[in-house]
N, C-alpha and C. Protein backbone atom coordinates (compact mmCIF):
# COMPACT_ATOMS: atom_id res chain seq x y z
N UNK A 1 62.92 -65.81 -59.44
CA UNK A 1 63.91 -65.66 -58.48
C UNK A 1 64.13 -64.51 -57.51
N UNK A 2 64.25 -64.71 -55.93
CA UNK A 2 64.86 -63.54 -55.21
C UNK A 2 65.86 -63.08 -55.01
N UNK A 3 66.05 -60.93 -55.11
CA UNK A 3 66.85 -60.83 -55.89
C UNK A 3 68.18 -60.85 -54.22
N UNK A 4 68.96 -61.24 -54.76
CA UNK A 4 70.21 -62.12 -53.41
C UNK A 4 71.40 -61.05 -53.51
N UNK A 5 71.53 -60.16 -54.50
CA UNK A 5 73.36 -59.46 -54.13
C UNK A 5 73.06 -58.15 -53.81
N UNK A 6 73.96 -58.58 -54.20
CA UNK A 6 74.60 -56.41 -53.65
C UNK A 6 75.39 -55.72 -54.42
N UNK A 7 75.10 -55.78 -55.99
CA UNK A 7 76.07 -55.43 -56.11
C UNK A 7 74.78 -55.41 -57.79
N UNK A 8 74.69 -53.64 -57.74
CA UNK A 8 74.03 -53.59 -59.65
C UNK A 8 73.33 -54.43 -60.45
N UNK A 9 73.43 -55.71 -60.99
CA UNK A 9 73.32 -55.97 -62.02
C UNK A 9 72.93 -55.29 -63.17
N UNK A 10 73.44 -55.67 -64.30
CA UNK A 10 73.22 -55.77 -65.78
C UNK A 10 73.43 -56.54 -66.69
N UNK A 11 72.25 -56.17 -67.74
CA UNK A 11 71.75 -57.50 -68.37
C UNK A 11 72.73 -57.55 -69.92
N UNK A 12 73.05 -58.57 -70.11
CA UNK A 12 73.82 -58.69 -71.84
C UNK A 12 73.62 -59.76 -72.59
N UNK A 13 73.93 -59.69 -73.97
CA UNK A 13 73.17 -60.91 -74.26
C UNK A 13 74.43 -61.78 -74.86
N UNK A 14 74.08 -63.19 -74.43
CA UNK A 14 75.98 -63.14 -75.10
C UNK A 14 75.01 -64.80 -74.82
N UNK A 15 76.85 -65.75 -75.40
CA UNK A 15 77.34 -67.56 -74.99
C UNK A 15 78.10 -67.18 -74.20
N UNK A 16 77.92 -69.02 -73.45
CA UNK A 16 79.43 -69.04 -72.79
C UNK A 16 78.99 -70.10 -72.43
N UNK A 17 80.51 -70.40 -72.75
CA UNK A 17 81.38 -72.41 -73.17
C UNK A 17 81.20 -72.17 -71.83
N UNK A 18 80.78 -73.94 -71.14
CA UNK A 18 80.78 -74.58 -69.95
C UNK A 18 81.52 -76.25 -70.12
N UNK A 19 82.36 -75.50 -68.51
CA UNK A 19 82.94 -77.11 -69.01
C UNK A 19 83.35 -77.07 -66.98
N UNK A 20 82.34 -78.49 -66.83
CA UNK A 20 82.47 -78.27 -65.09
C UNK A 20 84.30 -78.65 -65.10
N UNK A 21 83.95 -77.95 -64.23
CA UNK A 21 85.64 -78.08 -62.81
C UNK A 21 86.07 -79.26 -62.41
N UNK A 22 84.26 -79.79 -62.19
CA UNK A 22 84.16 -80.77 -61.05
C UNK A 22 84.09 -82.73 -60.94
N UNK A 23 84.04 -82.38 -62.78
CA UNK A 23 84.04 -83.53 -63.07
C UNK A 23 85.40 -83.68 -64.02
N UNK A 24 86.26 -84.79 -64.00
CA UNK A 24 87.03 -84.80 -64.68
C UNK A 24 87.46 -85.43 -66.45
N UNK A 25 86.37 -85.74 -65.59
CA UNK A 25 85.27 -87.00 -67.03
C UNK A 25 84.83 -86.37 -68.52
N UNK A 26 84.48 -84.98 -67.60
CA UNK A 26 83.52 -83.91 -68.84
C UNK A 26 84.36 -83.44 -69.88
N UNK A 27 83.97 -83.39 -70.55
CA UNK A 27 84.33 -82.38 -71.89
C UNK A 27 84.04 -81.27 -72.19
N UNK A 28 84.88 -80.31 -72.90
CA UNK A 28 84.34 -79.33 -72.83
C UNK A 28 82.87 -78.62 -74.02
N UNK A 29 82.19 -78.08 -73.32
CA UNK A 29 80.62 -77.98 -74.01
C UNK A 29 80.25 -76.95 -74.42
N UNK A 30 80.01 -76.65 -75.88
CA UNK A 30 79.02 -75.73 -76.60
C UNK A 30 77.75 -75.63 -75.45
N UNK A 31 77.37 -74.70 -74.53
CA UNK A 31 75.46 -75.04 -74.47
C UNK A 31 75.45 -73.32 -74.22
N UNK A 32 74.14 -73.55 -75.55
CA UNK A 32 73.30 -72.02 -75.43
C UNK A 32 72.49 -71.98 -74.49
N UNK A 33 73.10 -70.97 -74.01
CA UNK A 33 73.11 -70.13 -72.45
C UNK A 33 72.71 -68.58 -72.49
N UNK A 34 71.78 -68.23 -71.89
CA UNK A 34 71.57 -66.64 -72.68
C UNK A 34 71.31 -66.11 -70.84
N UNK A 35 72.49 -64.99 -70.81
CA UNK A 35 72.46 -64.20 -70.18
C UNK A 35 71.58 -62.74 -70.08
N UNK A 36 72.13 -63.32 -68.08
CA UNK A 36 69.68 -62.56 -67.80
C UNK A 36 70.85 -60.88 -67.39
N UNK A 37 72.07 -61.78 -66.66
CA UNK A 37 72.30 -59.93 -65.75
C UNK A 37 73.63 -60.97 -65.65
N UNK A 38 74.30 -59.59 -65.18
CA UNK A 38 76.17 -59.58 -65.10
C UNK A 38 76.53 -58.41 -63.45
N UNK A 39 76.50 -58.89 -62.81
CA UNK A 39 77.70 -58.04 -62.22
C UNK A 39 79.07 -58.67 -61.15
N UNK A 40 79.77 -57.81 -61.14
CA UNK A 40 80.30 -57.59 -59.83
C UNK A 40 80.96 -58.65 -59.30
N UNK A 41 80.37 -59.66 -58.98
CA UNK A 41 80.09 -60.67 -58.73
C UNK A 41 80.14 -61.98 -58.98
N UNK A 42 79.19 -62.49 -60.30
CA UNK A 42 77.97 -63.36 -60.94
C UNK A 42 77.53 -62.78 -62.20
N UNK A 43 77.15 -63.51 -62.70
CA UNK A 43 76.91 -64.32 -63.86
C UNK A 43 74.95 -64.64 -63.84
N UNK A 44 74.23 -64.44 -64.31
CA UNK A 44 72.58 -64.99 -63.86
C UNK A 44 72.40 -65.40 -65.63
N UNK A 45 72.14 -66.55 -65.26
CA UNK A 45 71.82 -66.47 -67.09
C UNK A 45 70.58 -67.75 -66.98
N UNK A 46 69.91 -68.19 -68.18
CA UNK A 46 68.64 -69.40 -68.99
C UNK A 46 69.39 -69.68 -69.73
N UNK A 47 69.39 -71.56 -69.89
CA UNK A 47 69.45 -72.72 -69.74
C UNK A 47 68.74 -73.75 -70.03
N UNK A 48 68.80 -74.57 -71.15
CA UNK A 48 67.77 -75.70 -71.36
C UNK A 48 68.89 -76.92 -70.93
N UNK A 49 70.35 -76.69 -70.34
CA UNK A 49 70.91 -77.42 -69.66
C UNK A 49 71.10 -77.94 -68.58
N UNK A 50 71.04 -78.48 -67.53
CA UNK A 50 70.45 -78.87 -66.08
C UNK A 50 72.14 -78.68 -65.62
N UNK A 51 72.72 -78.35 -64.58
CA UNK A 51 73.94 -77.90 -64.49
C UNK A 51 73.49 -78.10 -63.07
N UNK A 52 74.27 -78.33 -61.83
CA UNK A 52 74.89 -78.51 -60.55
C UNK A 52 75.22 -77.67 -59.59
N UNK A 53 74.06 -77.80 -58.63
CA UNK A 53 74.69 -76.43 -57.53
C UNK A 53 76.25 -76.91 -56.78
N UNK A 54 76.86 -76.05 -56.84
CA UNK A 54 78.06 -76.09 -55.85
C UNK A 54 78.60 -76.64 -57.30
N UNK A 55 78.98 -77.25 -58.03
CA UNK A 55 80.44 -76.90 -59.36
C UNK A 55 80.53 -75.70 -60.10
N UNK A 56 81.62 -76.08 -60.46
CA UNK A 56 81.99 -74.35 -60.56
C UNK A 56 82.63 -74.63 -62.51
N UNK A 57 82.37 -74.47 -63.79
CA UNK A 57 82.06 -74.09 -64.56
C UNK A 57 82.75 -73.46 -65.04
N UNK A 58 84.17 -73.52 -66.01
CA UNK A 58 84.56 -72.68 -66.57
C UNK A 58 83.89 -71.93 -68.16
N UNK A 59 84.33 -70.91 -68.39
CA UNK A 59 83.34 -69.97 -68.83
C UNK A 59 83.97 -69.02 -69.90
N UNK A 60 83.32 -68.26 -71.28
CA UNK A 60 84.47 -67.71 -72.04
C UNK A 60 82.72 -66.36 -72.47
N UNK A 61 82.91 -65.10 -71.10
CA UNK A 61 81.29 -64.54 -71.48
C UNK A 61 82.09 -63.72 -72.87
N UNK A 62 81.23 -64.11 -73.27
CA UNK A 62 81.97 -62.06 -74.52
C UNK A 62 81.14 -60.79 -74.07
N UNK A 63 81.98 -60.12 -73.15
CA UNK A 63 81.42 -58.73 -73.10
C UNK A 63 80.31 -56.96 -74.03
N UNK A 64 79.54 -56.52 -73.67
CA UNK A 64 79.58 -55.77 -74.24
C UNK A 64 80.89 -55.15 -75.63
N UNK A 65 82.40 -55.33 -75.22
CA UNK A 65 82.89 -54.39 -76.18
C UNK A 65 83.62 -54.86 -77.19
N UNK A 66 82.54 -56.73 -77.01
CA UNK A 66 83.25 -57.68 -78.35
C UNK A 66 84.40 -58.62 -78.05
N UNK A 67 85.20 -58.08 -76.15
CA UNK A 67 86.55 -58.42 -75.86
C UNK A 67 85.89 -59.90 -74.62
N UNK A 68 86.30 -61.02 -74.50
CA UNK A 68 86.37 -62.48 -73.83
C UNK A 68 86.64 -62.24 -72.61
N UNK A 69 85.79 -62.02 -71.79
CA UNK A 69 86.08 -63.06 -70.52
C UNK A 69 86.25 -64.40 -70.26
N UNK A 70 87.38 -64.50 -69.85
CA UNK A 70 87.87 -66.28 -69.50
C UNK A 70 87.33 -66.12 -67.65
N UNK A 71 86.48 -66.60 -67.59
CA UNK A 71 86.41 -67.36 -66.20
C UNK A 71 85.63 -68.15 -65.37
N UNK A 72 85.95 -68.75 -64.12
CA UNK A 72 85.33 -69.98 -62.88
C UNK A 72 83.44 -68.58 -62.70
N UNK A 73 83.14 -69.94 -63.22
CA UNK A 73 81.33 -69.40 -62.41
C UNK A 73 81.64 -70.93 -61.66
N UNK A 74 80.76 -70.06 -59.82
CA UNK A 74 80.59 -71.47 -58.93
C UNK A 74 79.36 -71.11 -58.92
N UNK A 75 78.23 -72.25 -59.77
CA UNK A 75 76.19 -72.37 -59.32
C UNK A 75 75.91 -72.13 -58.42
N UNK A 76 75.10 -71.26 -57.80
CA UNK A 76 74.39 -71.28 -56.35
C UNK A 76 72.91 -71.30 -56.31
N UNK A 77 72.75 -71.17 -57.37
CA UNK A 77 71.11 -70.96 -57.35
C UNK A 77 71.02 -71.93 -59.04
N UNK A 78 69.50 -72.68 -58.79
CA UNK A 78 68.93 -72.96 -59.41
C UNK A 78 67.67 -72.97 -59.74
N UNK A 79 66.78 -72.22 -60.57
CA UNK A 79 65.51 -72.13 -60.48
C UNK A 79 64.96 -73.29 -62.10
N UNK A 80 64.25 -74.55 -62.02
CA UNK A 80 63.25 -74.87 -63.85
C UNK A 80 62.30 -73.86 -63.55
N UNK A 81 62.01 -73.82 -64.91
CA UNK A 81 60.67 -73.02 -65.42
C UNK A 81 59.31 -73.95 -65.87
N UNK A 82 58.47 -72.79 -66.02
CA UNK A 82 57.31 -74.24 -66.48
C UNK A 82 58.13 -74.74 -68.06
N UNK A 83 58.42 -74.00 -68.81
CA UNK A 83 58.41 -74.26 -70.20
C UNK A 83 59.86 -74.66 -70.20
N UNK A 84 60.59 -75.72 -68.84
CA UNK A 84 61.69 -77.09 -68.55
C UNK A 84 63.09 -76.09 -69.42
N UNK A 85 63.31 -74.58 -69.08
CA UNK A 85 64.15 -74.41 -68.56
C UNK A 85 65.23 -74.42 -67.54
N UNK A 86 66.03 -74.02 -67.03
CA UNK A 86 67.09 -72.99 -66.01
C UNK A 86 67.25 -71.69 -65.50
N UNK A 87 66.46 -71.56 -64.39
CA UNK A 87 67.65 -69.83 -64.33
C UNK A 87 67.92 -70.06 -63.42
N UNK A 88 69.95 -69.78 -63.36
CA UNK A 88 70.24 -69.89 -62.71
C UNK A 88 71.58 -68.79 -62.62
N UNK A 89 71.95 -68.90 -60.71
CA UNK A 89 73.29 -67.82 -60.52
C UNK A 89 74.21 -68.09 -59.58
N UNK A 90 74.85 -67.58 -60.70
CA UNK A 90 76.27 -67.74 -60.60
C UNK A 90 77.44 -66.95 -59.80
N UNK A 91 78.37 -67.36 -59.35
CA UNK A 91 79.14 -65.99 -58.37
C UNK A 91 80.43 -66.50 -59.29
N UNK A 92 81.06 -65.29 -59.07
CA UNK A 92 82.94 -65.75 -60.10
C UNK A 92 84.04 -66.42 -58.85
N UNK A 93 84.17 -67.36 -59.69
CA UNK A 93 85.47 -67.77 -58.21
C UNK A 93 87.19 -66.95 -59.33
N UNK A 94 87.97 -66.52 -58.25
CA UNK A 94 88.91 -65.78 -58.77
C UNK A 94 88.84 -65.07 -59.97
N UNK A 95 87.73 -64.09 -60.16
CA UNK A 95 87.37 -63.47 -61.22
C UNK A 95 89.05 -61.53 -61.30
N UNK A 96 89.88 -62.26 -62.45
CA UNK A 96 90.75 -61.19 -61.91
C UNK A 96 90.67 -59.82 -62.13
N UNK A 97 91.48 -58.91 -61.75
CA UNK A 97 91.15 -57.52 -60.67
C UNK A 97 90.28 -56.91 -62.63
N UNK A 98 90.83 -56.87 -63.29
CA UNK A 98 90.95 -55.81 -64.31
C UNK A 98 89.50 -56.28 -65.39
N UNK A 99 88.67 -57.53 -64.94
CA UNK A 99 88.25 -58.49 -65.35
C UNK A 99 87.14 -57.17 -64.53
N UNK A 100 86.62 -56.76 -63.23
CA UNK A 100 86.19 -57.33 -62.35
C UNK A 100 85.98 -55.39 -62.99
N UNK A 101 86.80 -54.96 -63.12
CA UNK A 101 87.11 -53.44 -64.14
C UNK A 101 86.24 -53.10 -65.16
N UNK A 102 86.25 -53.77 -65.33
CA UNK A 102 85.91 -53.87 -66.48
C UNK A 102 83.98 -53.67 -67.29
N UNK A 103 83.30 -54.82 -65.48
CA UNK A 103 81.97 -54.70 -65.33
C UNK A 103 81.29 -53.31 -64.36
N UNK A 104 82.36 -52.92 -63.64
CA UNK A 104 82.50 -51.66 -63.66
C UNK A 104 81.85 -50.02 -63.93
N UNK A 105 82.73 -50.14 -65.32
CA UNK A 105 83.13 -49.31 -66.20
C UNK A 105 82.16 -49.52 -66.76
N UNK A 106 81.61 -50.09 -67.55
CA UNK A 106 79.79 -50.79 -67.87
C UNK A 106 79.05 -50.52 -66.87
N UNK A 107 78.55 -50.80 -65.46
CA UNK A 107 78.49 -50.35 -64.68
C UNK A 107 77.57 -48.70 -64.67
N UNK A 108 78.96 -47.95 -64.83
CA UNK A 108 78.92 -46.52 -64.37
C UNK A 108 78.67 -45.64 -65.62
N UNK A 109 79.17 -46.55 -67.04
CA UNK A 109 78.60 -45.79 -67.98
C UNK A 109 76.57 -45.76 -68.18
N UNK A 110 76.43 -46.69 -67.37
CA UNK A 110 74.92 -47.45 -67.75
C UNK A 110 74.16 -46.53 -66.69
N UNK A 111 74.78 -46.15 -65.66
CA UNK A 111 74.19 -45.58 -65.14
C UNK A 111 74.10 -43.39 -65.70
N UNK A 112 75.05 -43.72 -66.16
CA UNK A 112 75.06 -42.38 -66.16
C UNK A 112 74.64 -41.84 -67.50
N UNK A 113 73.61 -43.07 -68.48
CA UNK A 113 72.88 -43.45 -69.81
C UNK A 113 71.42 -42.88 -68.95
N UNK A 114 71.47 -43.67 -67.94
CA UNK A 114 69.83 -43.97 -67.34
C UNK A 114 69.57 -42.43 -66.94
N UNK A 115 70.27 -41.68 -66.37
CA UNK A 115 70.49 -40.20 -66.48
C UNK A 115 70.13 -39.79 -67.05
N UNK A 116 70.28 -39.27 -68.27
CA UNK A 116 70.20 -38.14 -68.81
C UNK A 116 69.50 -39.20 -70.11
N UNK A 117 68.38 -39.91 -69.26
CA UNK A 117 67.72 -39.79 -70.42
C UNK A 117 66.06 -40.46 -69.58
């Protein structure tokens, strides 16, 4: 997938709980998702579940501090892989400033650590 973000990406291993907010009949469902990267603007992940471009999903993202960030993600890109997985690019919708700051702090610490190595 072509790089389109202005923010630096960070990788995390996590699972997300997804609920399609555009579909009133949709039930909350835990879908196995592997987070590829996180920035202050969004999340990139792969999954075996076909999502919808433009749909907004409710998520609970477990971050590196073991805290959970409750957020809403809008799907902006989907790319299907050869092995029937989907690579999704999403943007945060209404991410609280405090949670954006948590991501920024992690980014700063990661940059410092990379400079030491």
